[in-house]
Amino acid sequence: MRLFVPSTIGAFGEDSPKNPTPDVCVQRPRTIYGVSKVHMELMGEYYHHKTGLDFRCLRYPGIISAHSAPGGGTTDYAVEIFHHALQGNNFVCGLRSDSRLPMMHIDDCISNTVKFMETPNEKLKQRTYNIGAMDFTPHEIYTEIRKHFPHFQMHYDVNPLLQSIADSWPDKFDSTNARRDWGMSHYYDTPRLVEDMFESLRGKNLTNMEDEHELAHRI
């Protein structure tokens, strides 16, 4: 039996190394989201060693996609900002300008998950891997967007809760083991991500997506 469960940058905490964050280190997250992910990782490894279960887990960075509305999470500013730029609106960011977080394009996320699941079990040296692509700050993604929309403006209104979560998460993922053991790779860097997001969002009904965004906030 093969069991895959996704994990996250939220599985790390303030005591974890931040730049880069390795696969194995102190975790100790302070959100129930992160605590539940660590519990799941350890339970999966327990059953792998106890019963031989082919447990597999990837820790994802912030995932950037044009196919769903941002839901108000800590990394969702990096999706919402594109909607505002395309609509000609200024954007208010809830994180500090220097808050660095690891990110990944949805296509790289999917392709690496498939590659991981297709890897023969005997090639895996561990059960849980970090996968990292790019990392950036709000100021850096804003600067890249301004290359396409020179008049776009972003301001800051820091949300203390979101900022405290971001401050406890990795700045950068160390994905050396994933690249070595099963060939993890990524295509999208920050410039390619920005180009693709604008290309993908053009022609979409952003009004409907904004309605989804408001509903996600209310939930």
C-alpha atoms as a PDB file:
ATOM      1  CA  MET A   1       0.000   0.000   0.000  1.00  0.00           C
ATOM      2  CA  ARG A   2       1.259   3.490  -0.904  1.00  0.00           C
ATOM      3  CA  LEU A   3       0.017   6.492   1.049  1.00  0.00           C
ATOM      4  CA  PHE A   4       0.779  10.110   0.147  1.00  0.00           C
ATOM      5  CA  VAL A   5       0.010  12.999   2.491  1.00  0.00           C
ATOM      6  CA  PRO A   6       1.006  16.618   1.742  1.00  0.00           C
ATOM      7  CA  SER A   7       2.860  18.704   4.297  1.00  0.00           C
ATOM      8  CA  THR A   8       3.960  22.320   4.304  1.00  0.00           C
ATOM      9  CA  ILE A   9       6.389  25.072   5.304  1.00  0.00           C
ATOM     10  CA  GLY A  10       4.021  25.441   8.274  1.00  0.00           C
ATOM     11  CA  ALA A  11       5.531  22.293   9.793  1.00  0.00           C
ATOM     12  CA  PHE A  12       8.500  24.385  10.933  1.00  0.00           C
ATOM     13  CA  GLY A  13       8.717  26.938  13.732  1.00  0.00           C
ATOM     14  CA  GLU A  14      10.779  29.739  15.197  1.00  0.00           C
ATOM     15  CA  ASP A  15      13.525  27.369  16.394  1.00  0.00           C
ATOM     16  CA  SER A  16      14.045  25.838  12.947  1.00  0.00           C
ATOM     17  CA  PRO A  17      16.958  26.916  10.728  1.00  0.00           C
ATOM     18  CA  LYS A  18      15.501  29.429   8.280  1.00  0.00           C
ATOM     19  CA  ASN A  19      17.911  29.893   5.371  1.00  0.00           C
ATOM     20  CA  PRO A  20      17.970  27.209   4.223  1.00  0.00           C
ATOM     21  CA  THR A  21      15.651  24.894   6.160  1.00  0.00           C
ATOM     22  CA  PRO A  22      16.805  21.243   5.865  1.00  0.00           C
ATOM     23  CA  ASP A  23      14.599  18.171   5.775  1.00  0.00           C
ATOM     24  CA  VAL A  24      15.552  17.068   9.294  1.00  0.00           C
ATOM     25  CA  CYS A  25      15.826  19.660  12.048  1.00  0.00           C
ATOM     26  CA  VAL A  26      13.952  21.052  15.047  1.00  0.00           C
ATOM     27  CA  GLN A  27      10.370  21.826  13.953  1.00  0.00           C
ATOM     28  CA  ARG A  28       8.088  22.871  16.847  1.00  0.00           C
ATOM     29  CA  PRO A  29       5.444  24.897  14.949  1.00  0.00           C
ATOM     30  CA  ARG A  30       3.113  27.163  16.934  1.00  0.00           C
ATOM     31  CA  THR A  31      -0.038  26.914  14.807  1.00  0.00           C
ATOM     32  CA  ILE A  32      -2.486  24.000  14.945  1.00  0.00           C
ATOM     33  CA  TYR A  33      -2.044  23.765  11.171  1.00  0.00           C
ATOM     34  CA  GLY A  34       1.674  23.125  11.607  1.00  0.00           C
ATOM     35  CA  VAL A  35       1.287  20.878  14.641  1.00  0.00           C
ATOM     36  CA  SER A  36      -1.152  18.638  12.750  1.00  0.00           C
ATOM     37  CA  LYS A  37       1.288  18.383   9.838  1.00  0.00           C
ATOM     38  CA  VAL A  38       4.180  17.338  12.092  1.00  0.00           C
ATOM     39  CA  HIS A  39       1.900  14.773  13.769  1.00  0.00           C
ATOM     40  CA  MET A  40       0.993  13.375  10.357  1.00  0.00           C
ATOM     41  CA  GLU A  41       4.630  13.212   9.227  1.00  0.00           C
ATOM     42  CA  LEU A  42       5.668  11.307  12.359  1.00  0.00           C
ATOM     43  CA  MET A  43       2.695   8.940  12.248  1.00  0.00           C
ATOM     44  CA  GLY A  44       3.458   8.122   8.619  1.00  0.00           C
ATOM     45  CA  GLU A  45       7.093   7.392   9.402  1.00  0.00           C
ATOM     46  CA  TYR A  46       6.062   5.294  12.403  1.00  0.00           C
ATOM     47  CA  TYR A  47       3.799   3.071  10.259  1.00  0.00           C
ATOM     48  CA  HIS A  48       6.479   2.856   7.570  1.00  0.00           C
ATOM     49  CA  HIS A  49       9.018   1.489  10.048  1.00  0.00           C
ATOM     50  CA  LYS A  50       6.475  -0.589  11.995  1.00  0.00           C
ATOM     51  CA  THR A  51       4.488  -2.164   9.163  1.00  0.00           C
ATOM     52  CA  GLY A  52       6.366  -1.390   5.938  1.00  0.00           C
ATOM     53  CA  LEU A  53       3.736   1.103   4.743  1.00  0.00           C
ATOM     54  CA  ASP A  54       5.007   2.968   1.672  1.00  0.00           C
ATOM     55  CA  PHE A  55       4.350   6.353   3.230  1.00  0.00           C
ATOM     56  CA  ARG A  56       5.395   9.410   1.220  1.00  0.00           C
ATOM     57  CA  CYS A  57       5.203  13.077   2.108  1.00  0.00           C
ATOM     58  CA  LEU A  58       6.283  16.351   0.498  1.00  0.00           C
ATOM     59  CA  ARG A  59       6.593  19.637   2.327  1.00  0.00           C
ATOM     60  CA  TYR A  60       5.292  22.246  -0.084  1.00  0.00           C
ATOM     61  CA  PRO A  61       6.258  25.919  -0.118  1.00  0.00           C
ATOM     62  CA  GLY A  62       3.672  28.579  -0.953  1.00  0.00           C
ATOM     63  CA  ILE A  63       1.972  27.413  -4.169  1.00  0.00           C
ATOM     64  CA  ILE A  64       1.212  30.064  -6.805  1.00  0.00           C
ATOM     65  CA  SER A  65      -1.678  29.332  -9.170  1.00  0.00           C
ATOM     66  CA  ALA A  66      -3.927  31.316 -11.486  1.00  0.00           C
ATOM     67  CA  HIS A  67      -6.645  28.673 -11.313  1.00  0.00           C
ATOM     68  CA  SER A  68      -8.165  29.428  -7.914  1.00  0.00           C
ATOM     69  CA  ALA A  69      -8.893  32.527  -5.880  1.00  0.00           C
ATOM     70  CA  PRO A  70      -6.560  33.447  -2.997  1.00  0.00           C
ATOM     71  CA  GLY A  71      -8.007  32.430   0.351  1.00  0.00           C
ATOM     72  CA  GLY A  72      -6.391  34.848   2.787  1.00  0.00           C
ATOM     73  CA  GLY A  73      -3.529  32.619   3.922  1.00  0.00           C
ATOM     74  CA  THR A  74      -0.035  33.786   4.791  1.00  0.00           C
ATOM     75  CA  THR A  75       1.391  33.232   1.295  1.00  0.00           C
ATOM     76  CA  ASP A  76      -1.789  34.156  -0.613  1.00  0.00           C
ATOM     77  CA  TYR A  77      -0.685  37.767  -1.045  1.00  0.00           C
ATOM     78  CA  ALA A  78       1.579  36.381  -3.796  1.00  0.00           C
ATOM     79  CA  VAL A  79      -1.506  35.335  -5.768  1.00  0.00           C
ATOM     80  CA  GLU A  80      -3.823  38.224  -4.909  1.00  0.00           C
ATOM     81  CA  ILE A  81      -1.270  40.829  -5.996  1.00  0.00           C
ATOM     82  CA  PHE A  82      -1.589  39.704  -9.633  1.00  0.00           C
ATOM     83  CA  HIS A  83      -5.365  40.206  -9.609  1.00  0.00           C
ATOM     84  CA  HIS A  84      -4.968  43.783  -8.400  1.00  0.00           C
ATOM     85  CA  ALA A  85      -2.274  44.581 -10.944  1.00  0.00           C
ATOM     86  CA  LEU A  86      -4.395  43.297 -13.844  1.00  0.00           C
ATOM     87  CA  GLN A  87      -7.455  45.216 -12.656  1.00  0.00           C
ATOM     88  CA  GLY A  88      -5.482  48.447 -12.337  1.00  0.00           C
ATOM     89  CA  ASN A  89      -5.927  48.602  -8.576  1.00  0.00           C
ATOM     90  CA  ASN A  90      -3.366  49.341  -5.892  1.00  0.00           C
ATOM     91  CA  PHE A  91      -2.562  46.460  -3.552  1.00  0.00           C
ATOM     92  CA  VAL A  92      -2.264  46.458   0.233  1.00  0.00           C
ATOM     93  CA  CYS A  93       0.103  43.765   1.514  1.00  0.00           C
ATOM     94  CA  GLY A  94      -0.386  42.293   4.981  1.00  0.00           C
ATOM     95  CA  LEU A  95       3.263  41.273   5.401  1.00  0.00           C
ATOM     96  CA  ARG A  96       6.398  43.373   5.825  1.00  0.00           C
ATOM     97  CA  SER A  97       8.279  44.212   2.645  1.00  0.00           C
ATOM     98  CA  ASP A  98      11.247  42.013   3.672  1.00  0.00           C
ATOM     99  CA  SER A  99       9.281  38.860   4.613  1.00  0.00           C
ATOM    100  CA  ARG A 100      11.020  36.172   2.597  1.00  0.00           C
ATOM    101  CA  LEU A 101       9.148  32.909   2.002  1.00  0.00           C
ATOM    102  CA  PRO A 102       9.699  29.910  -0.293  1.00  0.00           C
ATOM    103  CA  MET A 103       7.305  29.651  -3.251  1.00  0.00           C
ATOM    104  CA  MET A 104       6.576  27.343  -6.190  1.00  0.00           C
ATOM    105  CA  HIS A 105       4.498  27.507  -9.375  1.00  0.00           C
ATOM    106  CA  ILE A 106       1.579  25.072  -9.435  1.00  0.00           C
ATOM    107  CA  ASP A 107       2.919  23.294 -12.537  1.00  0.00           C
ATOM    108  CA  ASP A 108       6.216  22.526 -10.786  1.00  0.00           C
ATOM    109  CA  CYS A 109       4.257  21.381  -7.736  1.00  0.00           C
ATOM    110  CA  ILE A 110       2.177  18.924  -9.762  1.00  0.00           C
ATOM    111  CA  SER A 111       5.017  17.587 -11.905  1.00  0.00           C
ATOM    112  CA  ASN A 112       7.244  16.977  -8.886  1.00  0.00           C
ATOM    113  CA  THR A 113       4.464  15.285  -6.942  1.00  0.00           C
ATOM    114  CA  VAL A 114       3.869  12.897  -9.852  1.00  0.00           C
ATOM    115  CA  LYS A 115       7.609  12.237 -10.209  1.00  0.00           C
ATOM    116  CA  PHE A 116       7.890  11.556  -6.479  1.00  0.00           C
ATOM    117  CA  MET A 117       4.984   9.126  -6.489  1.00  0.00           C
ATOM    118  CA  GLU A 118       6.389   7.257  -9.502  1.00  0.00           C
ATOM    119  CA  THR A 119       9.846   6.847  -7.947  1.00  0.00           C
ATOM    120  CA  PRO A 120      10.604   3.231  -6.939  1.00  0.00           C
ATOM    121  CA  ASN A 121      10.483   2.825  -3.187  1.00  0.00           C
ATOM    122  CA  GLU A 122      14.040   1.551  -2.941  1.00  0.00           C
ATOM    123  CA  LYS A 123      15.402   4.875  -4.277  1.00  0.00           C
ATOM    124  CA  LEU A 124      13.894   6.903  -1.450  1.00  0.00           C
ATOM    125  CA  LYS A 125      16.342   7.524   1.393  1.00  0.00           C
ATOM    126  CA  GLN A 126      13.670   9.147   3.568  1.00  0.00           C
ATOM    127  CA  ARG A 127       9.874   9.421   3.710  1.00  0.00           C
ATOM    128  CA  THR A 128       9.424  13.209   3.925  1.00  0.00           C
ATOM    129  CA  TYR A 129      11.129  15.734   1.647  1.00  0.00           C
ATOM    130  CA  ASN A 130      11.219  19.507   1.286  1.00  0.00           C
ATOM    131  CA  ILE A 131      10.687  20.725  -2.269  1.00  0.00           C
ATOM    132  CA  GLY A 132      11.802  24.259  -3.049  1.00  0.00           C
ATOM    133  CA  ALA A 133      11.899  26.383  -6.171  1.00  0.00           C
ATOM    134  CA  MET A 134      12.165  30.164  -5.716  1.00  0.00           C
ATOM    135  CA  ASP A 135      11.911  32.404  -2.691  1.00  0.00           C
ATOM    136  CA  PHE A 136      11.044  36.084  -2.615  1.00  0.00           C
ATOM    137  CA  THR A 137       9.811  38.958  -0.482  1.00  0.00           C
ATOM    138  CA  PRO A 138       6.747  41.140  -1.139  1.00  0.00           C
ATOM    139  CA  HIS A 139       9.064  43.910  -2.321  1.00  0.00           C
ATOM    140  CA  GLU A 140      10.835  41.594  -4.773  1.00  0.00           C
ATOM    141  CA  ILE A 141       7.626  40.281  -6.369  1.00  0.00           C
ATOM    142  CA  TYR A 142       6.287  43.847  -6.512  1.00  0.00           C
ATOM    143  CA  THR A 143       9.444  44.975  -8.321  1.00  0.00           C
ATOM    144  CA  GLU A 144       9.076  42.151 -10.852  1.00  0.00           C
ATOM    145  CA  ILE A 145       5.409  42.983 -11.458  1.00  0.00           C
ATOM    146  CA  ARG A 146       6.313  46.636 -12.049  1.00  0.00           C
ATOM    147  CA  LYS A 147       8.317  45.536 -15.087  1.00  0.00           C
ATOM    148  CA  HIS A 148       4.945  44.653 -16.662  1.00  0.00           C
ATOM    149  CA  PHE A 149       2.801  47.334 -14.989  1.00  0.00           C
ATOM    150  CA  PRO A 150       5.049  50.350 -14.277  1.00  0.00           C
ATOM    151  CA  HIS A 151       2.245  52.352 -12.617  1.00  0.00           C
ATOM    152  CA  PHE A 152       1.214  49.581 -10.222  1.00  0.00           C
ATOM    153  CA  GLN A 153       1.478  50.579  -6.563  1.00  0.00           C
ATOM    154  CA  MET A 154       1.693  48.463  -3.408  1.00  0.00           C
ATOM    155  CA  HIS A 155       1.339  49.662   0.177  1.00  0.00           C
ATOM    156  CA  TYR A 156       1.761  47.872   3.494  1.00  0.00           C
ATOM    157  CA  ASP A 157      -0.689  47.330   6.332  1.00  0.00           C
ATOM    158  CA  VAL A 158       0.957  44.571   8.345  1.00  0.00           C
ATOM    159  CA  ASN A 159      -1.386  41.978   9.828  1.00  0.00           C
ATOM    160  CA  PRO A 160       0.232  40.987  13.164  1.00  0.00           C
ATOM    161  CA  LEU A 161      -1.119  37.428  13.060  1.00  0.00           C
ATOM    162  CA  LEU A 162       0.003  36.722   9.495  1.00  0.00           C
ATOM    163  CA  GLN A 163       3.346  38.388  10.139  1.00  0.00           C
ATOM    164  CA  SER A 164       4.020  36.294  13.237  1.00  0.00           C
ATOM    165  CA  ILE A 165       3.311  33.143  11.221  1.00  0.00           C
ATOM    166  CA  ALA A 166       5.536  34.248   8.345  1.00  0.00           C
ATOM    167  CA  ASP A 167       8.345  35.082  10.769  1.00  0.00           C
ATOM    168  CA  SER A 168       8.274  31.521  12.120  1.00  0.00           C
ATOM    169  CA  TRP A 169       8.424  29.872   8.680  1.00  0.00           C
ATOM    170  CA  PRO A 170      11.465  29.121   6.498  1.00  0.00           C
ATOM    171  CA  ASP A 171      13.005  31.795   4.292  1.00  0.00           C
ATOM    172  CA  LYS A 172      14.272  29.166   1.884  1.00  0.00           C
ATOM    173  CA  PHE A 173      13.816  25.397   1.531  1.00  0.00           C
ATOM    174  CA  ASP A 174      16.818  23.086   1.186  1.00  0.00           C
ATOM    175  CA  SER A 175      15.641  20.528  -1.388  1.00  0.00           C
ATOM    176  CA  THR A 176      19.069  18.919  -1.936  1.00  0.00           C
ATOM    177  CA  ASN A 177      17.861  15.476  -0.880  1.00  0.00           C
ATOM    178  CA  ALA A 178      14.821  15.537  -3.153  1.00  0.00           C
ATOM    179  CA  ARG A 179      16.963  16.566  -6.122  1.00  0.00           C
ATOM    180  CA  ARG A 180      19.501  13.824  -5.360  1.00  0.00           C
ATOM    181  CA  ASP A 181      17.161  10.924  -4.517  1.00  0.00           C
ATOM    182  CA  TRP A 182      14.378  11.245  -7.067  1.00  0.00           C
ATOM    183  CA  GLY A 183      15.236  14.080  -9.440  1.00  0.00           C
ATOM    184  CA  MET A 184      13.173  16.942  -8.100  1.00  0.00           C
ATOM    185  CA  SER A 185      13.535  19.990 -10.377  1.00  0.00           C
ATOM    186  CA  HIS A 186      11.739  23.226 -11.178  1.00  0.00           C
ATOM    187  CA  TYR A 187      11.173  25.280 -14.314  1.00  0.00           C
ATOM    188  CA  TYR A 188       9.689  28.496 -12.951  1.00  0.00           C
ATOM    189  CA  ASP A 189      11.850  31.168 -11.371  1.00  0.00           C
ATOM    190  CA  THR A 190      10.345  34.491 -10.285  1.00  0.00           C
ATOM    191  CA  PRO A 191      10.391  36.232 -13.716  1.00  0.00           C
ATOM    192  CA  ARG A 192       8.839  33.197 -15.428  1.00  0.00           C
ATOM    193  CA  LEU A 193       6.249  32.908 -12.657  1.00  0.00           C
ATOM    194  CA  VAL A 194       5.183  36.535 -13.105  1.00  0.00           C
ATOM    195  CA  GLU A 195       4.925  36.226 -16.889  1.00  0.00           C
ATOM    196  CA  ASP A 196       2.885  33.030 -16.637  1.00  0.00           C
ATOM    197  CA  MET A 197       0.520  34.385 -13.991  1.00  0.00           C
ATOM    198  CA  PHE A 198      -0.382  37.408 -16.117  1.00  0.00           C
ATOM    199  CA  GLU A 199      -0.758  35.275 -19.229  1.00  0.00           C
ATOM    200  CA  SER A 200      -2.961  32.769 -17.391  1.00  0.00           C
ATOM    201  CA  LEU A 201      -5.128  35.364 -15.630  1.00  0.00           C
ATOM    202  CA  ARG A 202      -5.836  37.430 -18.743  1.00  0.00           C
ATOM    203  CA  GLY A 203      -9.196  36.388 -20.104  1.00  0.00           C
ATOM    204  CA  LYS A 204     -10.378  34.905 -16.820  1.00  0.00           C
ATOM    205  CA  ASN A 205     -13.418  36.343 -15.093  1.00  0.00           C
ATOM    206  CA  LEU A 206     -11.574  38.034 -12.248  1.00  0.00           C
ATOM    207  CA  THR A 207     -14.833  39.370 -10.839  1.00  0.00           C
ATOM    208  CA  ASN A 208     -16.050  35.841 -10.130  1.00  0.00           C
ATOM    209  CA  MET A 209     -12.669  34.960  -8.639  1.00  0.00           C
ATOM    210  CA  GLU A 210     -12.875  38.004  -6.371  1.00  0.00           C
ATOM    211  CA  ASP A 211     -16.292  36.777  -5.189  1.00  0.00           C
ATOM    212  CA  GLU A 212     -14.667  33.432  -4.335  1.00  0.00           C
ATOM    213  CA  HIS A 213     -11.954  35.312  -2.472  1.00  0.00           C
ATOM    214  CA  GLU A 214     -14.496  37.218  -0.363  1.00  0.00           C
ATOM    215  CA  LEU A 215     -16.338  33.988   0.417  1.00  0.00           C
ATOM    216  CA  ALA A 216     -13.067  32.334   1.506  1.00  0.00           C
ATOM    217  CA  HIS A 217     -12.401  35.257   3.888  1.00  0.00           C
ATOM    218  CA  ARG A 218     -15.877  34.961   5.414  1.00  0.00           C
ATOM    219  CA  ILE A 219     -15.456  31.212   5.939  1.00  0.00           C
END
